[in-house]
Amino acid sequence: MAKSKYVLTEKQIIKRIKEGRGAGKLSNYKPWLYVDEVPSKGRSQRVYSHLTGRVHHVLSDLEFAVFLLLDHNPAVTDIREQFPLNRDDTLNIAKEGQLWHPAQGGVNHVMSSDFLVNAASKNQPKFAIQAKYSQDLKDPRTIEKLEIERRYWQLKKVPWFLVTDKEIDKIIVSNIEWLYGVKGYFDEIITDELLLTFEHINTHFVQHPDRKVVDLCKEYDMAYQQDLGQSLYDVRLMCAARLITFDIRLPFHSDVVKPNRPTQLSYFSLISYI
């Protein structure tokens, strides 16, 4: 039987370490796994982050959702995805705990956490996350791998969290994903033109409080003889650039304008630890 292209040899593992996989911070970080190097569950994504200044590699819809929530949280200062665990440590943990360590073709895998996160918090400056679909937790080997990972971060004195699809608020994720565009990318910058448009739209919106944003955008397009949908697109850019904030717990397209009322962004329960 032909060996899977996703199974690493010892030589390939050494090569990745020399390449700096799993090392660096922010724009200089290199994940242990790229989307084209591992089979994914659902939608693999290469998504750009203005926080880190680089493209991130997430391997499932669930990982993508967690990434968006982290990237949109102002308390988060760095996100390192597909973070490798020291293989000697995980092998020792498995041996001491009589746990199954993932291996294939006679090669012990380098295990990884989906995210290692830094935050501007004295109480929680760093934590690790593993994102798993709840149905996968029925697999005994998956449970053993998670237990190795939990003990690994416990030894490192870094809090570790398991996040499943049941803990993700779909409305929040939908709102954040909308900000990034159809393909999961948000590559815009705050230009002088966008700032000028923001001033015009803001003036129009504050004159019509407590009305739906979508309805106001339609009126704005007609008033300024723009293509229908242009101002809503501009508002998306402004939200993604944080020129505009809104209550992310509510579906954006039913949200209303509330001038002079500060909004608080809300995130899933994991973020309460920051």
C-alpha atoms as a PDB file:
ATOM      1  CA  MET A   1       0.000   0.000   0.000  1.00  0.00           C
ATOM      2  CA  ALA A   2       1.351   3.444  -0.908  1.00  0.00           C
ATOM      3  CA  LYS A   3       2.283   5.673   1.986  1.00  0.00           C
ATOM      4  CA  SER A   4      -0.024   8.633   2.539  1.00  0.00           C
ATOM      5  CA  LYS A   5       1.447  11.962   1.449  1.00  0.00           C
ATOM      6  CA  TYR A   6       0.356  13.337   4.823  1.00  0.00           C
ATOM      7  CA  VAL A   7       2.566  10.976   6.866  1.00  0.00           C
ATOM      8  CA  LEU A   8       5.874  12.590   7.807  1.00  0.00           C
ATOM      9  CA  THR A   9       9.152  10.721   7.910  1.00  0.00           C
ATOM     10  CA  GLU A  10      11.789  11.466  10.545  1.00  0.00           C
ATOM     11  CA  LYS A  11      13.769  13.288   7.871  1.00  0.00           C
ATOM     12  CA  GLN A  12      10.780  15.504   7.041  1.00  0.00           C
ATOM     13  CA  ILE A  13      10.160  16.254  10.730  1.00  0.00           C
ATOM     14  CA  ILE A  14      13.777  17.351  11.173  1.00  0.00           C
ATOM     15  CA  LYS A  15      13.505  19.485   8.025  1.00  0.00           C
ATOM     16  CA  ARG A  16      10.409  21.271   9.349  1.00  0.00           C
ATOM     17  CA  ILE A  17      12.126  21.997  12.651  1.00  0.00           C
ATOM     18  CA  LYS A  18      15.095  23.486  10.785  1.00  0.00           C
ATOM     19  CA  GLU A  19      12.681  25.586   8.723  1.00  0.00           C
ATOM     20  CA  GLY A  20      11.443  27.154  11.945  1.00  0.00           C
ATOM     21  CA  ARG A  21       8.007  25.556  11.947  1.00  0.00           C
ATOM     22  CA  GLY A  22       6.316  26.365  15.252  1.00  0.00           C
ATOM     23  CA  ALA A  23       8.754  29.195  15.944  1.00  0.00           C
ATOM     24  CA  GLY A  24       8.406  32.967  15.804  1.00  0.00           C
ATOM     25  CA  LYS A  25       5.715  35.430  16.794  1.00  0.00           C
ATOM     26  CA  LEU A  26       3.124  37.533  14.979  1.00  0.00           C
ATOM     27  CA  SER A  27       4.104  37.933  11.294  1.00  0.00           C
ATOM     28  CA  ASN A  28       7.250  35.807  11.753  1.00  0.00           C
ATOM     29  CA  TYR A  29       5.481  32.704  13.055  1.00  0.00           C
ATOM     30  CA  LYS A  30       5.426  29.575  10.912  1.00  0.00           C
ATOM     31  CA  PRO A  31       2.736  26.976  11.741  1.00  0.00           C
ATOM     32  CA  TRP A  32       3.709  23.333  11.978  1.00  0.00           C
ATOM     33  CA  LEU A  33       1.011  22.429   9.448  1.00  0.00           C
ATOM     34  CA  TYR A  34      -0.170  24.248   6.322  1.00  0.00           C
ATOM     35  CA  VAL A  35      -3.574  23.616   4.765  1.00  0.00           C
ATOM     36  CA  ASP A  36      -2.103  21.715   1.812  1.00  0.00           C
ATOM     37  CA  GLU A  37      -0.105  19.400   4.067  1.00  0.00           C
ATOM     38  CA  VAL A  38      -2.887  17.709   5.991  1.00  0.00           C
ATOM     39  CA  PRO A  39      -6.386  16.384   5.239  1.00  0.00           C
ATOM     40  CA  SER A  40      -9.012  18.797   6.522  1.00  0.00           C
ATOM     41  CA  LYS A  41     -12.461  18.332   7.955  1.00  0.00           C
ATOM     42  CA  GLY A  42     -14.802  20.700   6.151  1.00  0.00           C
ATOM     43  CA  ARG A  43     -13.406  23.969   4.849  1.00  0.00           C
ATOM     44  CA  SER A  44      -9.690  24.655   5.038  1.00  0.00           C
ATOM     45  CA  GLN A  45      -8.898  28.345   5.113  1.00  0.00           C
ATOM     46  CA  ARG A  46      -5.984  30.640   4.541  1.00  0.00           C
ATOM     47  CA  VAL A  47      -7.167  33.790   6.278  1.00  0.00           C
ATOM     48  CA  TYR A  48      -5.294  37.063   6.655  1.00  0.00           C
ATOM     49  CA  SER A  49      -5.088  38.780  10.053  1.00  0.00           C
ATOM     50  CA  HIS A  50      -4.261  42.430  10.569  1.00  0.00           C
ATOM     51  CA  LEU A  51      -3.462  41.570  14.183  1.00  0.00           C
ATOM     52  CA  THR A  52      -0.522  39.342  13.250  1.00  0.00           C
ATOM     53  CA  GLY A  53       0.170  40.674   9.768  1.00  0.00           C
ATOM     54  CA  ARG A  54       0.204  37.257   8.119  1.00  0.00           C
ATOM     55  CA  VAL A  55      -1.963  34.540   6.592  1.00  0.00           C
ATOM     56  CA  HIS A  56      -3.179  31.888   9.056  1.00  0.00           C
ATOM     57  CA  HIS A  57      -3.836  28.231   8.231  1.00  0.00           C
ATOM     58  CA  VAL A  58      -6.958  26.686   9.767  1.00  0.00           C
ATOM     59  CA  LEU A  59      -8.036  23.156   8.941  1.00  0.00           C
ATOM     60  CA  SER A  60     -11.795  23.049   9.588  1.00  0.00           C
ATOM     61  CA  ASP A  61     -14.899  25.202   9.846  1.00  0.00           C
ATOM     62  CA  LEU A  62     -14.667  24.910  13.627  1.00  0.00           C
ATOM     63  CA  GLU A  63     -11.050  26.118  13.702  1.00  0.00           C
ATOM     64  CA  PHE A  64     -12.029  28.963  11.385  1.00  0.00           C
ATOM     65  CA  ALA A  65     -14.811  30.012  13.764  1.00  0.00           C
ATOM     66  CA  VAL A  66     -12.489  29.979  16.772  1.00  0.00           C
ATOM     67  CA  PHE A  67      -9.855  31.926  14.829  1.00  0.00           C
ATOM     68  CA  LEU A  68     -12.366  34.631  13.867  1.00  0.00           C
ATOM     69  CA  LEU A  69     -13.492  35.018  17.467  1.00  0.00           C
ATOM     70  CA  LEU A  70      -9.912  35.315  18.675  1.00  0.00           C
ATOM     71  CA  ASP A  71      -8.794  37.637  15.890  1.00  0.00           C
ATOM     72  CA  HIS A  72     -11.711  39.975  16.514  1.00  0.00           C
ATOM     73  CA  ASN A  73     -11.073  40.178  20.266  1.00  0.00           C
ATOM     74  CA  PRO A  74      -9.179  43.371  21.198  1.00  0.00           C
ATOM     75  CA  ALA A  75      -7.621  41.619  24.223  1.00  0.00           C
ATOM     76  CA  VAL A  76      -5.785  39.089  22.032  1.00  0.00           C
ATOM     77  CA  THR A  77      -2.228  40.120  21.079  1.00  0.00           C
ATOM     78  CA  ASP A  78      -0.981  37.088  19.114  1.00  0.00           C
ATOM     79  CA  ILE A  79      -2.420  33.900  17.618  1.00  0.00           C
ATOM     80  CA  ARG A  80      -0.213  30.942  16.696  1.00  0.00           C
ATOM     81  CA  GLU A  81      -2.137  28.172  14.961  1.00  0.00           C
ATOM     82  CA  GLN A  82      -1.062  24.535  14.481  1.00  0.00           C
ATOM     83  CA  PHE A  83       1.421  24.940  17.331  1.00  0.00           C
ATOM     84  CA  PRO A  84       3.709  21.878  17.709  1.00  0.00           C
ATOM     85  CA  LEU A  85       4.245  20.158  21.052  1.00  0.00           C
ATOM     86  CA  ASN A  86       7.677  18.912  22.038  1.00  0.00           C
ATOM     87  CA  ARG A  87       7.662  15.283  20.932  1.00  0.00           C
ATOM     88  CA  ASP A  88       9.952  14.025  23.726  1.00  0.00           C
ATOM     89  CA  ASP A  89       7.551  15.520  26.265  1.00  0.00           C
ATOM     90  CA  THR A  90       4.419  14.026  24.704  1.00  0.00           C
ATOM     91  CA  LEU A  91       6.088  10.611  24.411  1.00  0.00           C
ATOM     92  CA  ASN A  92       7.065  10.708  28.095  1.00  0.00           C
ATOM     93  CA  ILE A  93       3.538  11.733  29.088  1.00  0.00           C
ATOM     94  CA  ALA A  94       2.071   8.892  27.025  1.00  0.00           C
ATOM     95  CA  LYS A  95       4.478   6.354  28.539  1.00  0.00           C
ATOM     96  CA  GLU A  96       3.907   7.469  32.125  1.00  0.00           C
ATOM     97  CA  GLY A  97       0.139   7.603  31.702  1.00  0.00           C
ATOM     98  CA  GLN A  98      -0.071   4.444  29.556  1.00  0.00           C
ATOM     99  CA  LEU A  99      -1.771   6.498  26.857  1.00  0.00           C
ATOM    100  CA  TRP A 100      -1.779   5.906  23.093  1.00  0.00           C
ATOM    101  CA  HIS A 101       0.585   8.286  21.286  1.00  0.00           C
ATOM    102  CA  PRO A 102      -0.264   8.899  17.603  1.00  0.00           C
ATOM    103  CA  ALA A 103       2.161   7.203  15.230  1.00  0.00           C
ATOM    104  CA  GLN A 104       2.169   5.842  11.708  1.00  0.00           C
ATOM    105  CA  GLY A 105       4.668   3.930   9.640  1.00  0.00           C
ATOM    106  CA  GLY A 106       6.918   3.515  12.656  1.00  0.00           C
ATOM    107  CA  VAL A 107       7.176   7.281  13.133  1.00  0.00           C
ATOM    108  CA  ASN A 108       5.777   9.022  16.206  1.00  0.00           C
ATOM    109  CA  HIS A 109       3.770  12.074  15.189  1.00  0.00           C
ATOM    110  CA  VAL A 110       4.543  15.573  16.353  1.00  0.00           C
ATOM    111  CA  MET A 111       1.340  16.517  18.137  1.00  0.00           C
ATOM    112  CA  SER A 112      -0.019  20.051  17.923  1.00  0.00           C
ATOM    113  CA  SER A 113      -2.521  22.383  19.528  1.00  0.00           C
ATOM    114  CA  ASP A 114      -4.865  24.252  17.224  1.00  0.00           C
ATOM    115  CA  PHE A 115      -4.018  27.608  18.814  1.00  0.00           C
ATOM    116  CA  LEU A 116      -1.553  29.119  21.250  1.00  0.00           C
ATOM    117  CA  VAL A 117      -2.867  32.550  22.184  1.00  0.00           C
ATOM    118  CA  ASN A 118      -1.310  35.560  23.894  1.00  0.00           C
ATOM    119  CA  ALA A 119      -3.489  38.207  25.500  1.00  0.00           C
ATOM    120  CA  ALA A 120      -3.134  41.573  27.201  1.00  0.00           C
ATOM    121  CA  SER A 121      -4.251  40.214  30.551  1.00  0.00           C
ATOM    122  CA  LYS A 122      -2.448  39.769  33.849  1.00  0.00           C
ATOM    123  CA  ASN A 123      -4.750  36.897  34.774  1.00  0.00           C
ATOM    124  CA  GLN A 124      -4.540  35.054  31.445  1.00  0.00           C
ATOM    125  CA  PRO A 125      -1.511  36.171  29.378  1.00  0.00           C
ATOM    126  CA  LYS A 126      -1.278  32.888  27.454  1.00  0.00           C
ATOM    127  CA  PHE A 127      -3.517  29.889  26.816  1.00  0.00           C
ATOM    128  CA  ALA A 128      -3.830  26.971  24.394  1.00  0.00           C
ATOM    129  CA  ILE A 129      -6.919  25.770  22.547  1.00  0.00           C
ATOM    130  CA  GLN A 130      -7.888  22.519  20.887  1.00  0.00           C
ATOM    131  CA  ALA A 131     -11.016  22.686  18.704  1.00  0.00           C
ATOM    132  CA  LYS A 132     -12.873  19.402  18.267  1.00  0.00           C
ATOM    133  CA  TYR A 133     -16.265  18.477  16.897  1.00  0.00           C
ATOM    134  CA  SER A 134     -18.366  16.941  19.645  1.00  0.00           C
ATOM    135  CA  GLN A 135     -18.940  13.780  17.603  1.00  0.00           C
ATOM    136  CA  ASP A 136     -15.177  13.153  17.526  1.00  0.00           C
ATOM    137  CA  LEU A 137     -15.125  12.853  21.295  1.00  0.00           C
ATOM    138  CA  LYS A 138     -16.716   9.409  20.971  1.00  0.00           C
ATOM    139  CA  ASP A 139     -13.412   8.042  19.660  1.00  0.00           C
ATOM    140  CA  PRO A 140     -11.255   6.564  22.509  1.00  0.00           C
ATOM    141  CA  ARG A 141      -8.006   7.383  20.685  1.00  0.00           C
ATOM    142  CA  THR A 142      -9.058  11.003  20.266  1.00  0.00           C
ATOM    143  CA  ILE A 143      -9.722  11.176  24.010  1.00  0.00           C
ATOM    144  CA  GLU A 144      -6.256   9.784  24.760  1.00  0.00           C
ATOM    145  CA  LYS A 145      -4.610  12.325  22.458  1.00  0.00           C
ATOM    146  CA  LEU A 146      -6.520  15.122  24.166  1.00  0.00           C
ATOM    147  CA  GLU A 147      -5.417  13.823  27.555  1.00  0.00           C
ATOM    148  CA  ILE A 148      -1.765  13.895  26.447  1.00  0.00           C
ATOM    149  CA  GLU A 149      -2.242  17.450  25.231  1.00  0.00           C
ATOM    150  CA  ARG A 150      -3.969  18.504  28.461  1.00  0.00           C
ATOM    151  CA  ARG A 151      -1.156  17.091  30.580  1.00  0.00           C
ATOM    152  CA  TYR A 152       1.446  18.670  28.300  1.00  0.00           C
ATOM    153  CA  TRP A 153       0.131  22.192  28.861  1.00  0.00           C
ATOM    154  CA  GLN A 154      -0.385  21.458  32.549  1.00  0.00           C
ATOM    155  CA  LEU A 155       3.353  20.732  32.808  1.00  0.00           C
ATOM    156  CA  LYS A 156       4.081  23.984  30.961  1.00  0.00           C
ATOM    157  CA  LYS A 157       1.748  25.831  33.385  1.00  0.00           C
ATOM    158  CA  VAL A 158      -0.285  27.136  30.455  1.00  0.00           C
ATOM    159  CA  PRO A 159      -4.116  26.915  30.674  1.00  0.00           C
ATOM    160  CA  TRP A 160      -5.589  24.610  28.048  1.00  0.00           C
ATOM    161  CA  PHE A 161      -9.152  24.671  26.743  1.00  0.00           C
ATOM    162  CA  LEU A 162     -11.165  22.240  24.662  1.00  0.00           C
ATOM    163  CA  VAL A 163     -13.695  24.010  22.429  1.00  0.00           C
ATOM    164  CA  THR A 164     -16.409  22.096  20.577  1.00  0.00           C
ATOM    165  CA  ASP A 165     -18.976  23.143  18.005  1.00  0.00           C
ATOM    166  CA  LYS A 166     -21.600  23.229  20.773  1.00  0.00           C
ATOM    167  CA  GLU A 167     -19.863  26.194  22.402  1.00  0.00           C
ATOM    168  CA  ILE A 168     -19.815  28.395  19.316  1.00  0.00           C
ATOM    169  CA  ASP A 169     -22.510  31.059  18.999  1.00  0.00           C
ATOM    170  CA  LYS A 170     -23.489  30.843  15.336  1.00  0.00           C
ATOM    171  CA  ILE A 171     -24.815  34.422  15.171  1.00  0.00           C
ATOM    172  CA  ILE A 172     -21.536  35.852  16.450  1.00  0.00           C
ATOM    173  CA  VAL A 173     -19.511  33.761  14.025  1.00  0.00           C
ATOM    174  CA  SER A 174     -21.797  34.694  11.131  1.00  0.00           C
ATOM    175  CA  ASN A 175     -21.369  38.392  11.921  1.00  0.00           C
ATOM    176  CA  ILE A 176     -17.591  38.176  12.132  1.00  0.00           C
ATOM    177  CA  GLU A 177     -17.326  36.053   8.994  1.00  0.00           C
ATOM    178  CA  TRP A 178     -19.397  38.649   7.159  1.00  0.00           C
ATOM    179  CA  LEU A 179     -16.756  41.236   8.027  1.00  0.00           C
ATOM    180  CA  TYR A 180     -14.048  39.175   6.361  1.00  0.00           C
ATOM    181  CA  GLY A 181     -15.876  38.707   3.077  1.00  0.00           C
ATOM    182  CA  VAL A 182     -17.017  35.665   1.138  1.00  0.00           C
ATOM    183  CA  LYS A 183     -13.630  33.934   0.953  1.00  0.00           C
ATOM    184  CA  GLY A 184     -12.642  34.522   4.548  1.00  0.00           C
ATOM    185  CA  TYR A 185     -10.168  37.272   3.699  1.00  0.00           C
ATOM    186  CA  PHE A 186     -10.173  40.886   4.817  1.00  0.00           C
ATOM    187  CA  ASP A 187      -7.303  42.635   3.113  1.00  0.00           C
ATOM    188  CA  GLU A 188      -8.416  46.260   3.227  1.00  0.00           C
ATOM    189  CA  ILE A 189      -6.676  49.157   4.956  1.00  0.00           C
ATOM    190  CA  ILE A 190      -8.079  52.410   6.294  1.00  0.00           C
ATOM    191  CA  THR A 191      -7.680  54.770   3.352  1.00  0.00           C
ATOM    192  CA  ASP A 192      -8.438  58.500   3.138  1.00  0.00           C
ATOM    193  CA  GLU A 193     -11.303  57.608   0.813  1.00  0.00           C
ATOM    194  CA  LEU A 194     -12.777  55.191   3.367  1.00  0.00           C
ATOM    195  CA  LEU A 195     -12.484  57.794   6.129  1.00  0.00           C
ATOM    196  CA  LEU A 196     -14.288  60.364   3.977  1.00  0.00           C
ATOM    197  CA  THR A 197     -17.045  57.870   3.172  1.00  0.00           C
ATOM    198  CA  PHE A 198     -17.297  57.068   6.878  1.00  0.00           C
ATOM    199  CA  GLU A 199     -17.915  60.754   7.681  1.00  0.00           C
ATOM    200  CA  HIS A 200     -20.688  60.969   5.072  1.00  0.00           C
ATOM    201  CA  ILE A 201     -22.393  57.740   6.100  1.00  0.00           C
ATOM    202  CA  ASN A 202     -22.061  58.541   9.790  1.00  0.00           C
ATOM    203  CA  THR A 203     -23.775  61.911   9.288  1.00  0.00           C
ATOM    204  CA  HIS A 204     -26.641  60.219   7.464  1.00  0.00           C
ATOM    205  CA  PHE A 205     -27.016  57.460  10.070  1.00  0.00           C
ATOM    206  CA  VAL A 206     -27.075  59.681  13.169  1.00  0.00           C
ATOM    207  CA  GLN A 207     -29.949  61.643  11.673  1.00  0.00           C
ATOM    208  CA  HIS A 208     -32.048  58.468  11.579  1.00  0.00           C
ATOM    209  CA  PRO A 209     -31.626  56.666  14.938  1.00  0.00           C
ATOM    210  CA  ASP A 210     -33.304  53.362  15.771  1.00  0.00           C
ATOM    211  CA  ARG A 211     -33.674  52.306  12.145  1.00  0.00           C
ATOM    212  CA  LYS A 212     -32.214  49.199  10.551  1.00  0.00           C
ATOM    213  CA  VAL A 213     -28.760  49.621   9.071  1.00  0.00           C
ATOM    214  CA  VAL A 214     -29.768  47.765   5.902  1.00  0.00           C
ATOM    215  CA  ASP A 215     -32.697  50.131   5.261  1.00  0.00           C
ATOM    216  CA  LEU A 216     -30.523  53.187   5.829  1.00  0.00           C
ATOM    217  CA  CYS A 217     -27.918  51.849   3.418  1.00  0.00           C
ATOM    218  CA  LYS A 218     -30.550  51.437   0.716  1.00  0.00           C
ATOM    219  CA  GLU A 219     -31.711  55.024   1.249  1.00  0.00           C
ATOM    220  CA  TYR A 220     -28.127  56.269   1.184  1.00  0.00           C
ATOM    221  CA  ASP A 221     -27.434  54.499  -2.105  1.00  0.00           C
ATOM    222  CA  MET A 222     -30.508  56.058  -3.708  1.00  0.00           C
ATOM    223  CA  ALA A 223     -29.788  59.521  -2.294  1.00  0.00           C
ATOM    224  CA  TYR A 224     -26.248  59.520  -3.678  1.00  0.00           C
ATOM    225  CA  GLN A 225     -27.141  57.596  -6.856  1.00  0.00           C
ATOM    226  CA  GLN A 226     -24.848  54.687  -6.025  1.00  0.00           C
ATOM    227  CA  ASP A 227     -25.226  51.057  -7.034  1.00  0.00           C
ATOM    228  CA  LEU A 228     -27.538  49.280  -4.619  1.00  0.00           C
ATOM    229  CA  GLY A 229     -25.400  47.596  -1.984  1.00  0.00           C
ATOM    230  CA  GLN A 230     -22.390  49.926  -2.290  1.00  0.00           C
ATOM    231  CA  SER A 231     -22.896  51.632   1.086  1.00  0.00           C
ATOM    232  CA  LEU A 232     -23.511  48.284   2.810  1.00  0.00           C
ATOM    233  CA  TYR A 233     -20.191  47.097   1.376  1.00  0.00           C
ATOM    234  CA  ASP A 234     -18.544  50.269   2.688  1.00  0.00           C
ATOM    235  CA  VAL A 235     -20.094  49.676   6.112  1.00  0.00           C
ATOM    236  CA  ARG A 236     -18.644  46.150   6.083  1.00  0.00           C
ATOM    237  CA  LEU A 237     -15.175  47.596   5.492  1.00  0.00           C
ATOM    238  CA  MET A 238     -15.704  50.131   8.272  1.00  0.00           C
ATOM    239  CA  CYS A 239     -16.795  47.449  10.705  1.00  0.00           C
ATOM    240  CA  ALA A 240     -13.836  45.249   9.838  1.00  0.00           C
ATOM    241  CA  ALA A 241     -11.528  48.251  10.226  1.00  0.00           C
ATOM    242  CA  ARG A 242     -13.222  48.975  13.601  1.00  0.00           C
ATOM    243  CA  LEU A 243     -14.389  52.436  12.490  1.00  0.00           C
ATOM    244  CA  ILE A 244     -17.892  51.206  13.317  1.00  0.00           C
ATOM    245  CA  THR A 245     -18.869  48.883  16.160  1.00  0.00           C
ATOM    246  CA  PHE A 246     -22.115  47.011  16.627  1.00  0.00           C
ATOM    247  CA  ASP A 247     -23.643  44.489  19.000  1.00  0.00           C
ATOM    248  CA  ILE A 248     -22.110  41.351  17.593  1.00  0.00           C
ATOM    249  CA  ARG A 249     -24.568  39.144  19.503  1.00  0.00           C
ATOM    250  CA  LEU A 250     -27.383  40.212  17.159  1.00  0.00           C
ATOM    251  CA  PRO A 251     -27.764  39.407  13.436  1.00  0.00           C
ATOM    252  CA  PHE A 252     -26.191  42.376  11.663  1.00  0.00           C
ATOM    253  CA  HIS A 253     -28.843  42.690   8.980  1.00  0.00           C
ATOM    254  CA  SER A 254     -31.527  43.252  11.633  1.00  0.00           C
ATOM    255  CA  ASP A 255     -29.374  45.607  13.722  1.00  0.00           C
ATOM    256  CA  VAL A 256     -30.434  49.206  14.222  1.00  0.00           C
ATOM    257  CA  VAL A 257     -28.458  52.430  14.508  1.00  0.00           C
ATOM    258  CA  LYS A 258     -27.940  53.548  18.092  1.00  0.00           C
ATOM    259  CA  PRO A 259     -25.916  56.765  18.101  1.00  0.00           C
ATOM    260  CA  ASN A 260     -24.044  57.786  21.250  1.00  0.00           C
ATOM    261  CA  ARG A 261     -24.585  54.374  22.815  1.00  0.00           C
ATOM    262  CA  PRO A 262     -21.288  52.505  23.223  1.00  0.00           C
ATOM    263  CA  THR A 263     -21.503  48.838  22.263  1.00  0.00           C
ATOM    264  CA  GLN A 264     -19.726  45.968  23.936  1.00  0.00           C
ATOM    265  CA  LEU A 265     -18.449  43.155  21.751  1.00  0.00           C
ATOM    266  CA  SER A 266     -19.399  39.767  23.103  1.00  0.00           C
ATOM    267  CA  TYR A 267     -17.422  36.563  22.649  1.00  0.00           C
ATOM    268  CA  PHE A 268     -17.967  32.921  23.419  1.00  0.00           C
ATOM    269  CA  SER A 269     -17.323  31.695  26.947  1.00  0.00           C
ATOM    270  CA  LEU A 270     -13.653  30.865  26.433  1.00  0.00           C
ATOM    271  CA  ILE A 271     -12.788  34.529  26.100  1.00  0.00           C
ATOM    272  CA  SER A 272     -14.126  35.226  29.570  1.00  0.00           C
ATOM    273  CA  TYR A 273     -10.890  33.743  30.839  1.00  0.00           C
ATOM    274  CA  ILE A 274      -8.861  36.621  29.366  1.00  0.00           C
END
